Amino acid sequence: ATNPLLTGVTSAAGLVAGRPVIALERVAN
């Protein structure tokens, strides 16, 4: 979140995938 480049890339990936703004996501267990 401190870096505009990484924020832009990861935000675009989240918007394309339709991920919510805030959520609990299960990774393995």
PDB file of all heavy atoms in Angstrom:
ATOM      1  N   ALA A   1       0.809  -1.215   0.000  1.00  0.00           N
ATOM      2  CA  ALA A   1       0.000   0.000   0.000  1.00  0.00           C
ATOM      3  C   ALA A   1       0.844   1.267   0.000  1.00  0.00           C
ATOM      4  O   ALA A   1       0.314   2.348  -0.268  1.00  0.00           O
ATOM      5  CB  ALA A   1      -0.940   0.005   1.205  1.00  0.00           C
ATOM      6  N   THR A   2       2.115   1.161   0.301  1.00  0.00           N
ATOM      7  CA  THR A   2       2.979   2.339   0.252  1.00  0.00           C
ATOM      8  C   THR A   2       3.468   2.645  -1.155  1.00  0.00           C
ATOM      9  O   THR A   2       3.992   3.742  -1.387  1.00  0.00           O
ATOM     10  CB  THR A   2       4.206   2.140   1.163  1.00  0.00           C
ATOM     11  OG1 THR A   2       4.987   1.034   0.672  1.00  0.00           O
ATOM     12  CG2 THR A   2       3.780   1.858   2.594  1.00  0.00           C
ATOM     13  N   ASN A   3       3.308   1.721  -2.086  1.00  0.00           N
ATOM     14  CA  ASN A   3       3.901   1.870  -3.409  1.00  0.00           C
ATOM     15  C   ASN A   3       2.801   2.025  -4.468  1.00  0.00           C
ATOM     16  O   ASN A   3       1.925   1.167  -4.582  1.00  0.00           O
ATOM     17  CB  ASN A   3       4.759   0.643  -3.733  1.00  0.00           C
ATOM     18  CG  ASN A   3       5.544   0.823  -5.010  1.00  0.00           C
ATOM     19  OD1 ASN A   3       5.083   0.479  -6.077  1.00  0.00           O
ATOM     20  ND2 ASN A   3       6.738   1.376  -4.891  1.00  0.00           N
ATOM     21  N   PRO A   4       2.835   3.094  -5.258  1.00  0.00           N
ATOM     22  CA  PRO A   4       1.775   3.287  -6.268  1.00  0.00           C
ATOM     23  C   PRO A   4       1.810   2.263  -7.391  1.00  0.00           C
ATOM     24  O   PRO A   4       0.764   1.894  -7.926  1.00  0.00           O
ATOM     25  CB  PRO A   4       2.046   4.706  -6.789  1.00  0.00           C
ATOM     26  CG  PRO A   4       3.471   4.986  -6.451  1.00  0.00           C
ATOM     27  CD  PRO A   4       3.765   4.227  -5.202  1.00  0.00           C
ATOM     28  N   LEU A   5       2.997   1.788  -7.775  1.00  0.00           N
ATOM     29  CA  LEU A   5       3.079   0.800  -8.851  1.00  0.00           C
ATOM     30  C   LEU A   5       2.435  -0.520  -8.444  1.00  0.00           C
ATOM     31  O   LEU A   5       1.585  -1.067  -9.159  1.00  0.00           O
ATOM     32  CB  LEU A   5       4.542   0.581  -9.238  1.00  0.00           C
ATOM     33  CG  LEU A   5       5.239   1.735  -9.968  1.00  0.00           C
ATOM     34  CD1 LEU A   5       6.722   1.432 -10.128  1.00  0.00           C
ATOM     35  CD2 LEU A   5       4.602   1.966 -11.326  1.00  0.00           C
ATOM     36  N   LEU A   6       2.834  -1.041  -7.282  1.00  0.00           N
ATOM     37  CA  LEU A   6       2.267  -2.301  -6.814  1.00  0.00           C
ATOM     38  C   LEU A   6       0.781  -2.160  -6.499  1.00  0.00           C
ATOM     39  O   LEU A   6      -0.005  -3.079  -6.749  1.00  0.00           O
ATOM     40  CB  LEU A   6       3.027  -2.793  -5.585  1.00  0.00           C
ATOM     41  CG  LEU A   6       4.491  -3.185  -5.812  1.00  0.00           C
ATOM     42  CD1 LEU A   6       5.144  -3.566  -4.498  1.00  0.00           C
ATOM     43  CD2 LEU A   6       4.587  -4.332  -6.803  1.00  0.00           C
ATOM     44  N   THR A   7       0.389  -1.011  -5.970  1.00  0.00           N
ATOM     45  CA  THR A   7      -1.027  -0.795  -5.688  1.00  0.00           C
ATOM     46  C   THR A   7      -1.846  -0.787  -6.971  1.00  0.00           C
ATOM     47  O   THR A   7      -2.945  -1.356  -7.028  1.00  0.00           O
ATOM     48  CB  THR A   7      -1.215   0.521  -4.929  1.00  0.00           C
ATOM     49  OG1 THR A   7      -0.504   0.465  -3.688  1.00  0.00           O
ATOM     50  CG2 THR A   7      -2.687   0.770  -4.635  1.00  0.00           C
ATOM     51  N   GLY A   8      -1.324  -0.147  -8.012  1.00  0.00           N
ATOM     52  CA  GLY A   8      -2.051  -0.119  -9.274  1.00  0.00           C
ATOM     53  C   GLY A   8      -2.208  -1.499  -9.878  1.00  0.00           C
ATOM     54  O   GLY A   8      -3.298  -1.872 -10.338  1.00  0.00           O
ATOM     55  N   VAL A   9      -1.135  -2.289  -9.867  1.00  0.00           N
ATOM     56  CA  VAL A   9      -1.194  -3.625 -10.460  1.00  0.00           C
ATOM     57  C   VAL A   9      -2.137  -4.535  -9.669  1.00  0.00           C
ATOM     58  O   VAL A   9      -2.999  -5.228 -10.236  1.00  0.00           O
ATOM     59  CB  VAL A   9       0.222  -4.226 -10.540  1.00  0.00           C
ATOM     60  CG1 VAL A   9       0.171  -5.681 -10.988  1.00  0.00           C
ATOM     61  CG2 VAL A   9       1.092  -3.423 -11.491  1.00  0.00           C
ATOM     62  N   THR A  10      -1.983  -4.568  -8.356  1.00  0.00           N
ATOM     63  CA  THR A  10      -2.820  -5.443  -7.540  1.00  0.00           C
ATOM     64  C   THR A  10      -4.275  -4.977  -7.499  1.00  0.00           C
ATOM     65  O   THR A  10      -5.194  -5.808  -7.434  1.00  0.00           O
ATOM     66  CB  THR A  10      -2.263  -5.539  -6.116  1.00  0.00           C
ATOM     67  OG1 THR A  10      -2.082  -4.200  -5.583  1.00  0.00           O
ATOM     68  CG2 THR A  10      -0.915  -6.248  -6.100  1.00  0.00           C
ATOM     69  N   SER A  11      -4.515  -3.659  -7.563  1.00  0.00           N
ATOM     70  CA  SER A  11      -5.894  -3.167  -7.606  1.00  0.00           C
ATOM     71  C   SER A  11      -6.566  -3.574  -8.908  1.00  0.00           C
ATOM     72  O   SER A  11      -7.747  -3.978  -8.913  1.00  0.00           O
ATOM     73  CB  SER A  11      -5.918  -1.644  -7.452  1.00  0.00           C
ATOM     74  OG  SER A  11      -5.419  -1.244  -6.197  1.00  0.00           O
ATOM     75  N   ALA A  12      -5.824  -3.473 -10.029  1.00  0.00           N
ATOM     76  CA  ALA A  12      -6.393  -3.900 -11.306  1.00  0.00           C
ATOM     77  C   ALA A  12      -6.714  -5.390 -11.295  1.00  0.00           C
ATOM     78  O   ALA A  12      -7.772  -5.811 -11.790  1.00  0.00           O
ATOM     79  CB  ALA A  12      -5.419  -3.567 -12.437  1.00  0.00           C
ATOM     80  N   ALA A  13      -5.819  -6.188 -10.709  1.00  0.00           N
ATOM     81  CA  ALA A  13      -6.086  -7.630 -10.628  1.00  0.00           C
ATOM     82  C   ALA A  13      -7.316  -7.918  -9.776  1.00  0.00           C
ATOM     83  O   ALA A  13      -8.132  -8.789 -10.117  1.00  0.00           O
ATOM     84  CB  ALA A  13      -4.864  -8.348 -10.055  1.00  0.00           C
ATOM     85  N   GLY A  14      -7.494  -7.197  -8.686  1.00  0.00           N
ATOM     86  CA  GLY A  14      -8.660  -7.408  -7.843  1.00  0.00           C
ATOM     87  C   GLY A  14      -9.957  -6.986  -8.510  1.00  0.00           C
ATOM     88  O   GLY A  14     -10.986  -7.655  -8.375  1.00  0.00           O
ATOM     89  N   LEU A  15      -9.914  -5.873  -9.263  1.00  0.00           N
ATOM     90  CA  LEU A  15     -11.124  -5.421  -9.956  1.00  0.00           C
ATOM     91  C   LEU A  15     -11.511  -6.374 -11.075  1.00  0.00           C
ATOM     92  O   LEU A  15     -12.699  -6.639 -11.296  1.00  0.00           O
ATOM     93  CB  LEU A  15     -10.893  -4.010 -10.513  1.00  0.00           C
ATOM     94  CG  LEU A  15     -10.791  -2.887  -9.480  1.00  0.00           C
ATOM     95  CD1 LEU A  15     -10.389  -1.584 -10.142  1.00  0.00           C
ATOM     96  CD2 LEU A  15     -12.118  -2.710  -8.745  1.00  0.00           C
ATOM     97  N   VAL A  16     -10.528  -6.907 -11.787  1.00  0.00           N
ATOM     98  CA  VAL A  16     -10.821  -7.862 -12.858  1.00  0.00           C
ATOM     99  C   VAL A  16     -11.434  -9.140 -12.288  1.00  0.00           C
ATOM    100  O   VAL A  16     -12.375  -9.714 -12.851  1.00  0.00           O
ATOM    101  CB  VAL A  16      -9.547  -8.170 -13.666  1.00  0.00           C
ATOM    102  CG1 VAL A  16      -9.769  -9.333 -14.615  1.00  0.00           C
ATOM    103  CG2 VAL A  16      -9.102  -6.936 -14.443  1.00  0.00           C
ATOM    104  N   ALA A  17     -10.906  -9.593 -11.152  1.00  0.00           N
ATOM    105  CA  ALA A  17     -11.426 -10.817 -10.536  1.00  0.00           C
ATOM    106  C   ALA A  17     -12.740 -10.601  -9.805  1.00  0.00           C
ATOM    107  O   ALA A  17     -13.362 -11.578  -9.361  1.00  0.00           O
ATOM    108  CB  ALA A  17     -10.382 -11.380  -9.569  1.00  0.00           C
ATOM    109  N   GLY A  18     -13.176  -9.351  -9.655  1.00  0.00           N
ATOM    110  CA  GLY A  18     -14.424  -9.075  -8.953  1.00  0.00           C
ATOM    111  C   GLY A  18     -14.343  -9.282  -7.458  1.00  0.00           C
ATOM    112  O   GLY A  18     -15.359  -9.592  -6.822  1.00  0.00           O
ATOM    113  N   ARG A  19     -13.166  -9.079  -6.875  1.00  0.00           N
ATOM    114  CA  ARG A  19     -13.025  -9.272  -5.431  1.00  0.00           C
ATOM    115  C   ARG A  19     -13.634  -8.099  -4.687  1.00  0.00           C
ATOM    116  O   ARG A  19     -13.585  -6.954  -5.145  1.00  0.00           O
ATOM    117  CB  ARG A  19     -11.541  -9.415  -5.065  1.00  0.00           C
ATOM    118  CG  ARG A  19     -10.892 -10.609  -5.740  1.00  0.00           C
ATOM    119  CD  ARG A  19      -9.384 -10.590  -5.625  1.00  0.00           C
ATOM    120  NE  ARG A  19      -8.906 -11.082  -4.339  1.00  0.00           N
ATOM    121  CZ  ARG A  19      -7.623 -11.294  -4.069  1.00  0.00           C
ATOM    122  NH1 ARG A  19      -6.705 -11.061  -5.001  1.00  0.00           N
ATOM    123  NH2 ARG A  19      -7.261 -11.750  -2.893  1.00  0.00           N
ATOM    124  N   PRO A  20     -14.236  -8.340  -3.526  1.00  0.00           N
ATOM    125  CA  PRO A  20     -14.850  -7.244  -2.754  1.00  0.00           C
ATOM    126  C   PRO A  20     -13.798  -6.323  -2.166  1.00  0.00           C
ATOM    127  O   PRO A  20     -12.599  -6.613  -2.165  1.00  0.00           O
ATOM    128  CB  PRO A  20     -15.632  -7.983  -1.662  1.00  0.00           C
ATOM    129  CG  PRO A  20     -14.930  -9.287  -1.521  1.00  0.00           C
ATOM    130  CD  PRO A  20     -14.413  -9.646  -2.883  1.00  0.00           C
ATOM    131  N   VAL A  21     -14.280  -5.192  -1.651  1.00  0.00           N
ATOM    132  CA  VAL A  21     -13.358  -4.211  -1.064  1.00  0.00           C
ATOM    133  C   VAL A  21     -12.729  -4.766   0.210  1.00  0.00           C
ATOM    134  O   VAL A  21     -11.515  -4.670   0.412  1.00  0.00           O
ATOM    135  CB  VAL A  21     -14.103  -2.894  -0.796  1.00  0.00           C
ATOM    136  CG1 VAL A  21     -13.164  -1.884  -0.129  1.00  0.00           C
ATOM    137  CG2 VAL A  21     -14.649  -2.321  -2.089  1.00  0.00           C
ATOM    138  N   ILE A  22     -13.527  -5.356   1.062  1.00  0.00           N
ATOM    139  CA  ILE A  22     -13.048  -5.969   2.303  1.00  0.00           C
ATOM    140  C   ILE A  22     -13.730  -7.331   2.430  1.00  0.00           C
ATOM    141  O   ILE A  22     -14.949  -7.434   2.278  1.00  0.00           O
ATOM    142  CB  ILE A  22     -13.359  -5.100   3.539  1.00  0.00           C
ATOM    143  CG1 ILE A  22     -12.704  -3.722   3.419  1.00  0.00           C
ATOM    144  CG2 ILE A  22     -12.889  -5.781   4.810  1.00  0.00           C
ATOM    145  CD1 ILE A  22     -13.052  -2.777   4.549  1.00  0.00           C
ATOM    146  N   ALA A  23     -12.943  -8.364   2.689  1.00  0.00           N
ATOM    147  CA  ALA A  23     -13.514  -9.708   2.793  1.00  0.00           C
ATOM    148  C   ALA A  23     -12.544 -10.605   3.537  1.00  0.00           C
ATOM    149  O   ALA A  23     -11.347 -10.305   3.668  1.00  0.00           O
ATOM    150  CB  ALA A  23     -13.818 -10.290   1.412  1.00  0.00           C
ATOM    151  N   LEU A  24     -13.065 -11.706   4.020  1.00  0.00           N
ATOM    152  CA  LEU A  24     -12.258 -12.779   4.589  1.00  0.00           C
ATOM    153  C   LEU A  24     -12.096 -13.856   3.517  1.00  0.00           C
ATOM    154  O   LEU A  24     -13.081 -14.391   3.012  1.00  0.00           O
ATOM    155  CB  LEU A  24     -12.910 -13.367   5.832  1.00  0.00           C
ATOM    156  CG  LEU A  24     -12.811 -12.550   7.125  1.00  0.00           C
ATOM    157  CD1 LEU A  24     -13.623 -13.205   8.234  1.00  0.00           C
ATOM    158  CD2 LEU A  24     -11.349 -12.388   7.551  1.00  0.00           C
ATOM    159  N   GLU A  25     -10.854 -14.158   3.161  1.00  0.00           N
ATOM    160  CA  GLU A  25     -10.574 -15.141   2.124  1.00  0.00           C
ATOM    161  C   GLU A  25      -9.824 -16.310   2.740  1.00  0.00           C
ATOM    162  O   GLU A  25      -8.890 -16.112   3.539  1.00  0.00           O
ATOM    163  CB  GLU A  25      -9.765 -14.518   0.994  1.00  0.00           C
ATOM    164  CG  GLU A  25     -10.520 -13.434   0.244  1.00  0.00           C
ATOM    165  CD  GLU A  25      -9.758 -12.906  -0.943  1.00  0.00           C
ATOM    166  OE1 GLU A  25      -8.535 -13.191  -1.030  1.00  0.00           O
ATOM    167  OE2 GLU A  25     -10.365 -12.220  -1.775  1.00  0.00           O
ATOM    168  N   ARG A  26     -10.225 -17.504   2.343  1.00  0.00           N
ATOM    169  CA  ARG A  26      -9.637 -18.715   2.905  1.00  0.00           C
ATOM    170  C   ARG A  26      -8.495 -19.188   2.022  1.00  0.00           C
ATOM    171  O   ARG A  26      -8.673 -19.475   0.842  1.00  0.00           O
ATOM    172  CB  ARG A  26     -10.679 -19.813   3.041  1.00  0.00           C
ATOM    173  CG  ARG A  26     -10.173 -21.039   3.795  1.00  0.00           C
ATOM    174  CD  ARG A  26     -11.290 -22.020   4.055  1.00  0.00           C
ATOM    175  NE  ARG A  26     -10.836 -23.120   4.893  1.00  0.00           N
ATOM    176  CZ  ARG A  26     -10.773 -23.085   6.207  1.00  0.00           C
ATOM    177  NH1 ARG A  26     -11.140 -21.991   6.846  1.00  0.00           N
ATOM    178  NH2 ARG A  26     -10.346 -24.119   6.900  1.00  0.00           N
ATOM    179  N   VAL A  27      -7.301 -19.239   2.602  1.00  0.00           N
ATOM    180  CA  VAL A  27      -6.113 -19.762   1.925  1.00  0.00           C
ATOM    181  C   VAL A  27      -5.714 -21.035   2.659  1.00  0.00           C
ATOM    182  O   VAL A  27      -5.275 -20.981   3.820  1.00  0.00           O
ATOM    183  CB  VAL A  27      -4.970 -18.738   1.935  1.00  0.00           C
ATOM    184  CG1 VAL A  27      -3.726 -19.319   1.289  1.00  0.00           C
ATOM    185  CG2 VAL A  27      -5.392 -17.462   1.217  1.00  0.00           C
ATOM    186  N   ALA A  28      -5.864 -22.177   1.993  1.00  0.00           N
ATOM    187  CA  ALA A  28      -5.633 -23.482   2.628  1.00  0.00           C
ATOM    188  C   ALA A  28      -6.552 -23.584   3.843  1.00  0.00           C
ATOM    189  O   ALA A  28      -7.764 -23.599   3.709  1.00  0.00           O
ATOM    190  CB  ALA A  28      -4.162 -23.659   2.970  1.00  0.00           C
ATOM    191  N   ASN A  29      -5.994 -23.602   5.043  1.00  0.00           N
ATOM    192  CA  ASN A  29      -6.826 -23.720   6.243  1.00  0.00           C
ATOM    193  C   ASN A  29      -6.822 -22.450   7.077  1.00  0.00           C
ATOM    194  O   ASN A  29      -7.152 -22.475   8.255  1.00  0.00           O
ATOM    195  CB  ASN A  29      -6.331 -24.890   7.105  1.00  0.00           C
ATOM    196  CG  ASN A  29      -4.913 -24.640   7.606  1.00  0.00           C
ATOM    197  OD1 ASN A  29      -4.180 -23.849   7.021  1.00  0.00           O
ATOM    198  ND2 ASN A  29      -4.535 -25.331   8.671  1.00  0.00           N
TER     199      ASN A  29
END
